[in-house]
């Protein structure tokens, strides 16, 4: 429960910061995060194909 409260507080701080940031900065940050998540997903998929499952 404490983790949930902390996560919601952190989300509020982040969303508050984004609301005051310029749109270009927000868009660039969103693209960087999307690329990072895409690379992570591809690496995970590649790693699972290389490792035989038992």
PDB file of N, CA and C in Angstrom:
ATOM      1  N   UNK A   1       0.825  -1.189   0.000  1.00  0.00           N
ATOM      2  CA  UNK A   1       0.000   0.000   0.000  1.00  0.00           C
ATOM      3  C   UNK A   1       0.876   1.262   0.000  1.00  0.00           C
ATOM      4  N   UNK A   2       1.923   1.220   0.772  1.00  0.00           N
ATOM      5  CA  UNK A   2       2.833   2.361   0.814  1.00  0.00           C
ATOM      6  C   UNK A   2       3.501   2.569  -0.547  1.00  0.00           C
ATOM      7  N   UNK A   3       3.820   1.471  -1.216  1.00  0.00           N
ATOM      8  CA  UNK A   3       4.410   1.566  -2.556  1.00  0.00           C
ATOM      9  C   UNK A   3       3.443   2.245  -3.518  1.00  0.00           C
ATOM     10  N   UNK A   4       2.165   1.908  -3.429  1.00  0.00           N
ATOM     11  CA  UNK A   4       1.162   2.514  -4.304  1.00  0.00           C
ATOM     12  C   UNK A   4       1.055   4.019  -4.060  1.00  0.00           C
ATOM     13  N   UNK A   5       1.064   4.423  -2.806  1.00  0.00           N
ATOM     14  CA  UNK A   5       0.995   5.848  -2.470  1.00  0.00           C
ATOM     15  C   UNK A   5       2.223   6.579  -3.008  1.00  0.00           C
ATOM     16  N   UNK A   6       3.396   5.978  -2.834  1.00  0.00           N
ATOM     17  CA  UNK A   6       4.629   6.597  -3.327  1.00  0.00           C
ATOM     18  C   UNK A   6       4.613   6.701  -4.853  1.00  0.00           C
ATOM     19  N   UNK A   7       4.124   5.666  -5.519  1.00  0.00           N
ATOM     20  CA  UNK A   7       4.062   5.687  -6.980  1.00  0.00           C
ATOM     21  C   UNK A   7       3.096   6.770  -7.462  1.00  0.00           C
ATOM     22  N   UNK A   8       1.971   6.914  -6.818  1.00  0.00           N
ATOM     23  CA  UNK A   8       1.010   7.943  -7.209  1.00  0.00           C
ATOM     24  C   UNK A   8       1.562   9.347  -6.964  1.00  0.00           C
ATOM     25  N   UNK A   9       2.284   9.529  -5.870  1.00  0.00           N
ATOM     26  CA  UNK A   9       2.894  10.829  -5.602  1.00  0.00           C
ATOM     27  C   UNK A   9       3.949  11.155  -6.660  1.00  0.00           C
ATOM     28  N   UNK A  10       4.763  10.174  -7.012  1.00  0.00           N
ATOM     29  CA  UNK A  10       5.785  10.382  -8.036  1.00  0.00           C
ATOM     30  C   UNK A  10       5.138  10.685  -9.382  1.00  0.00           C
ATOM     31  N   UNK A  11       4.059   9.989  -9.714  1.00  0.00           N
ATOM     32  CA  UNK A  11       3.350  10.252 -10.950  1.00  0.00           C
ATOM     33  C   UNK A  11       2.808  11.681 -10.979  1.00  0.00           C
ATOM     34  N   UNK A  12       2.278  12.135  -9.862  1.00  0.00           N
ATOM     35  CA  UNK A  12       1.780  13.506  -9.787  1.00  0.00           C
ATOM     36  C   UNK A  12       2.874  14.534  -9.995  1.00  0.00           C
ATOM     37  N   UNK A  13       4.039  14.280  -9.432  1.00  0.00           N
ATOM     38  CA  UNK A  13       5.165  15.201  -9.606  1.00  0.00           C
ATOM     39  C   UNK A  13       5.611  15.224 -11.064  1.00  0.00           C
ATOM     40  N   UNK A  14       5.713  14.049 -11.674  1.00  0.00           N
ATOM     41  CA  UNK A  14       6.160  13.975 -13.067  1.00  0.00           C
ATOM     42  C   UNK A  14       5.141  14.642 -13.989  1.00  0.00           C
ATOM     43  N   UNK A  15       3.867  14.369 -13.803  1.00  0.00           N
ATOM     44  CA  UNK A  15       2.849  14.980 -14.659  1.00  0.00           C
ATOM     45  C   UNK A  15       2.788  16.488 -14.444  1.00  0.00           C
ATOM     46  N   UNK A  16       2.995  16.929 -13.243  1.00  0.00           N
ATOM     47  CA  UNK A  16       3.034  18.364 -12.986  1.00  0.00           C
ATOM     48  C   UNK A  16       4.199  19.031 -13.689  1.00  0.00           C
ATOM     49  N   UNK A  17       5.335  18.356 -13.720  1.00  0.00           N
ATOM     50  CA  UNK A  17       6.510  18.889 -14.405  1.00  0.00           C
ATOM     51  C   UNK A  17       6.271  18.943 -15.904  1.00  0.00           C
ATOM     52  N   UNK A  18       5.675  17.900 -16.452  1.00  0.00           N
ATOM     53  CA  UNK A  18       5.421  17.865 -17.892  1.00  0.00           C
ATOM     54  C   UNK A  18       4.425  18.949 -18.291  1.00  0.00           C
ATOM     55  N   UNK A  19       3.483  19.244 -17.436  1.00  0.00           N
ATOM     56  CA  UNK A  19       2.488  20.271 -17.757  1.00  0.00           C
ATOM     57  C   UNK A  19       3.133  21.645 -17.910  1.00  0.00           C
ATOM     58  N   UNK A  20       4.251  21.880 -17.247  1.00  0.00           N
ATOM     59  CA  UNK A  20       4.916  23.179 -17.304  1.00  0.00           C
ATOM     60  C   UNK A  20       6.089  23.198 -18.283  1.00  0.00           C
ATOM     61  N   UNK A  21       6.431  22.060 -18.848  1.00  0.00           N
ATOM     62  CA  UNK A  21       7.544  22.000 -19.798  1.00  0.00           C
ATOM     63  C   UNK A  21       7.053  22.400 -21.189  1.00  0.00           C
ATOM     64  N   UNK A  22       7.940  22.922 -21.993  1.00  0.00           N
ATOM     65  CA  UNK A  22       7.555  23.248 -23.377  1.00  0.00           C
ATOM     66  C   UNK A  22       7.172  21.980 -24.144  1.00  0.00           C
ATOM     67  N   UNK A  23       6.281  22.145 -25.122  1.00  0.00           N
ATOM     68  CA  UNK A  23       5.801  20.986 -25.867  1.00  0.00           C
ATOM     69  C   UNK A  23       6.930  20.268 -26.597  1.00  0.00           C
ATOM     70  N   UNK A  24       7.884  21.007 -27.144  1.00  0.00           N
ATOM     71  CA  UNK A  24       8.978  20.357 -27.886  1.00  0.00           C
ATOM     72  C   UNK A  24       9.801  19.463 -26.966  1.00  0.00           C
ATOM     73  N   UNK A  25      10.070  19.939 -25.758  1.00  0.00           N
ATOM     74  CA  UNK A  25      10.818  19.116 -24.798  1.00  0.00           C
ATOM     75  C   UNK A  25      10.042  17.854 -24.453  1.00  0.00           C
ATOM     76  N   UNK A  26       8.738  17.991 -24.237  1.00  0.00           N
ATOM     77  CA  UNK A  26       7.906  16.844 -23.900  1.00  0.00           C
ATOM     78  C   UNK A  26       7.886  15.840 -25.049  1.00  0.00           C
ATOM     79  N   UNK A  27       7.773  16.330 -26.278  1.00  0.00           N
ATOM     80  CA  UNK A  27       7.745  15.446 -27.443  1.00  0.00           C
ATOM     81  C   UNK A  27       9.075  14.718 -27.615  1.00  0.00           C
ATOM     82  N   UNK A  28      10.176  15.430 -27.445  1.00  0.00           N
ATOM     83  CA  UNK A  28      11.496  14.803 -27.574  1.00  0.00           C
ATOM     84  C   UNK A  28      11.686  13.755 -26.487  1.00  0.00           C
ATOM     85  N   UNK A  29      11.299  14.066 -25.269  1.00  0.00           N
ATOM     86  CA  UNK A  29      11.418  13.096 -24.181  1.00  0.00           C
ATOM     87  C   UNK A  29      10.555  11.861 -24.451  1.00  0.00           C
ATOM     88  N   UNK A  30       9.361  12.062 -24.982  1.00  0.00           N
ATOM     89  CA  UNK A  30       8.479  10.933 -25.296  1.00  0.00           C
ATOM     90  C   UNK A  30       9.091  10.048 -26.378  1.00  0.00           C
ATOM     91  N   UNK A  31       9.699  10.657 -27.380  1.00  0.00           N
ATOM     92  CA  UNK A  31      10.332   9.873 -28.449  1.00  0.00           C
ATOM     93  C   UNK A  31      11.525   9.101 -27.907  1.00  0.00           C
ATOM     94  N   UNK A  32      12.327   9.734 -27.066  1.00  0.00           N
ATOM     95  CA  UNK A  32      13.494   9.057 -26.484  1.00  0.00           C
ATOM     96  C   UNK A  32      13.041   7.857 -25.651  1.00  0.00           C
ATOM     97  N   UNK A  33      12.020   8.024 -24.854  1.00  0.00           N
ATOM     98  CA  UNK A  33      11.524   6.926 -24.022  1.00  0.00           C
ATOM     99  C   UNK A  33      10.953   5.815 -24.899  1.00  0.00           C
ATOM    100  N   UNK A  34      10.223   6.163 -25.957  1.00  0.00           N
ATOM    101  CA  UNK A  34       9.655   5.157 -26.857  1.00  0.00           C
ATOM    102  C   UNK A  34      10.750   4.346 -27.541  1.00  0.00           C
ATOM    103  N   UNK A  35      11.809   5.021 -27.987  1.00  0.00           N
ATOM    104  CA  UNK A  35      12.925   4.313 -28.629  1.00  0.00           C
ATOM    105  C   UNK A  35      13.615   3.401 -27.629  1.00  0.00           C
ATOM    106  N   UNK A  36      13.820   3.893 -26.425  1.00  0.00           N
ATOM    107  CA  UNK A  36      14.458   3.095 -25.376  1.00  0.00           C
ATOM    108  C   UNK A  36      13.645   1.831 -25.088  1.00  0.00           C
ATOM    109  N   UNK A  37      12.326   1.977 -24.960  1.00  0.00           N
ATOM    110  CA  UNK A  37      11.477   0.814 -24.707  1.00  0.00           C
ATOM    111  C   UNK A  37      11.475  -0.138 -25.900  1.00  0.00           C
ATOM    112  N   UNK A  38      11.514   0.392 -27.109  1.00  0.00           N
ATOM    113  CA  UNK A  38      11.573  -0.462 -28.291  1.00  0.00           C
ATOM    114  C   UNK A  38      12.861  -1.268 -28.350  1.00  0.00           C
ATOM    115  N   UNK A  39      13.976  -0.626 -28.066  1.00  0.00           N
ATOM    116  CA  UNK A  39      15.267  -1.338 -28.042  1.00  0.00           C
ATOM    117  C   UNK A  39      15.260  -2.405 -26.963  1.00  0.00           C
ATOM    118  N   UNK A  40      14.722  -2.082 -25.797  1.00  0.00           N
ATOM    119  CA  UNK A  40      14.646  -3.056 -24.717  1.00  0.00           C
ATOM    120  C   UNK A  40      13.804  -4.266 -25.133  1.00  0.00           C
ATOM    121  N   UNK A  41      12.663  -4.015 -25.767  1.00  0.00           N
ATOM    122  CA  UNK A  41      11.787  -5.108 -26.198  1.00  0.00           C
ATOM    123  C   UNK A  41      12.486  -5.991 -27.226  1.00  0.00           C
ATOM    124  N   UNK A  42      13.189  -5.378 -28.176  1.00  0.00           N
ATOM    125  CA  UNK A  42      13.905  -6.163 -29.177  1.00  0.00           C
ATOM    126  C   UNK A  42      15.024  -6.991 -28.550  1.00  0.00           C
ATOM    127  N   UNK A  43      15.742  -6.417 -27.599  1.00  0.00           N
ATOM    128  CA  UNK A  43      16.810  -7.171 -26.928  1.00  0.00           C
ATOM    129  C   UNK A  43      16.246  -8.341 -26.138  1.00  0.00           C
ATOM    130  N   UNK A  44      15.118  -8.121 -25.464  1.00  0.00           N
ATOM    131  CA  UNK A  44      14.496  -9.212 -24.703  1.00  0.00           C
ATOM    132  C   UNK A  44      14.021 -10.320 -25.640  1.00  0.00           C
ATOM    133  N   UNK A  45      13.404  -9.947 -26.752  1.00  0.00           N
ATOM    134  CA  UNK A  45      12.924 -10.946 -27.706  1.00  0.00           C
ATOM    135  C   UNK A  45      14.092 -11.744 -28.271  1.00  0.00           C
ATOM    136  N   UNK A  46      15.174 -11.045 -28.610  1.00  0.00           N
ATOM    137  CA  UNK A  46      16.350 -11.715 -29.157  1.00  0.00           C
ATOM    138  C   UNK A  46      16.979 -12.639 -28.113  1.00  0.00           C
ATOM    139  N   UNK A  47      17.040 -12.211 -26.880  1.00  0.00           N
ATOM    140  CA  UNK A  47      17.647 -13.028 -25.817  1.00  0.00           C
ATOM    141  C   UNK A  47      16.813 -14.279 -25.548  1.00  0.00           C
ATOM    142  N   UNK A  48      15.510 -14.178 -25.616  1.00  0.00           N
ATOM    143  CA  UNK A  48      14.659 -15.344 -25.359  1.00  0.00           C
ATOM    144  C   UNK A  48      14.756 -16.360 -26.491  1.00  0.00           C
ATOM    145  N   UNK A  49      14.997 -15.900 -27.697  1.00  0.00           N
ATOM    146  CA  UNK A  49      15.127 -16.837 -28.812  1.00  0.00           C
ATOM    147  C   UNK A  49      16.449 -17.578 -28.768  1.00  0.00           C
ATOM    148  N   UNK A  50      17.474 -16.947 -28.226  1.00  0.00           N
ATOM    149  CA  UNK A  50      18.796 -17.573 -28.157  1.00  0.00           C
ATOM    150  C   UNK A  50      18.870 -18.603 -27.044  1.00  0.00           C
ATOM    151  N   UNK A  51      18.153 -18.393 -25.955  1.00  0.00           N
ATOM    152  CA  UNK A  51      18.218 -19.271 -24.803  1.00  0.00           C
ATOM    153  C   UNK A  51      17.154 -20.350 -24.930  1.00  0.00           C
ATOM    154  N   UNK A  52      17.558 -21.622 -24.929  1.00  0.00           N
ATOM    155  CA  UNK A  52      16.529 -22.678 -25.005  1.00  0.00           C
ATOM    156  C   UNK A  52      15.733 -22.754 -23.705  1.00  0.00           C
ATOM    157  N   UNK A  53      14.439 -22.899 -23.841  1.00  0.00           N
ATOM    158  CA  UNK A  53      13.583 -22.995 -22.652  1.00  0.00           C
ATOM    159  C   UNK A  53      13.455 -24.443 -22.215  1.00  0.00           C
ATOM    160  N   UNK A  54      13.485 -24.666 -20.907  1.00  0.00           N
ATOM    161  CA  UNK A  54      13.383 -26.035 -20.368  1.00  0.00           C
ATOM    162  C   UNK A  54      12.114 -26.170 -19.577  1.00  0.00           C
TER     163      UNK A  54
END
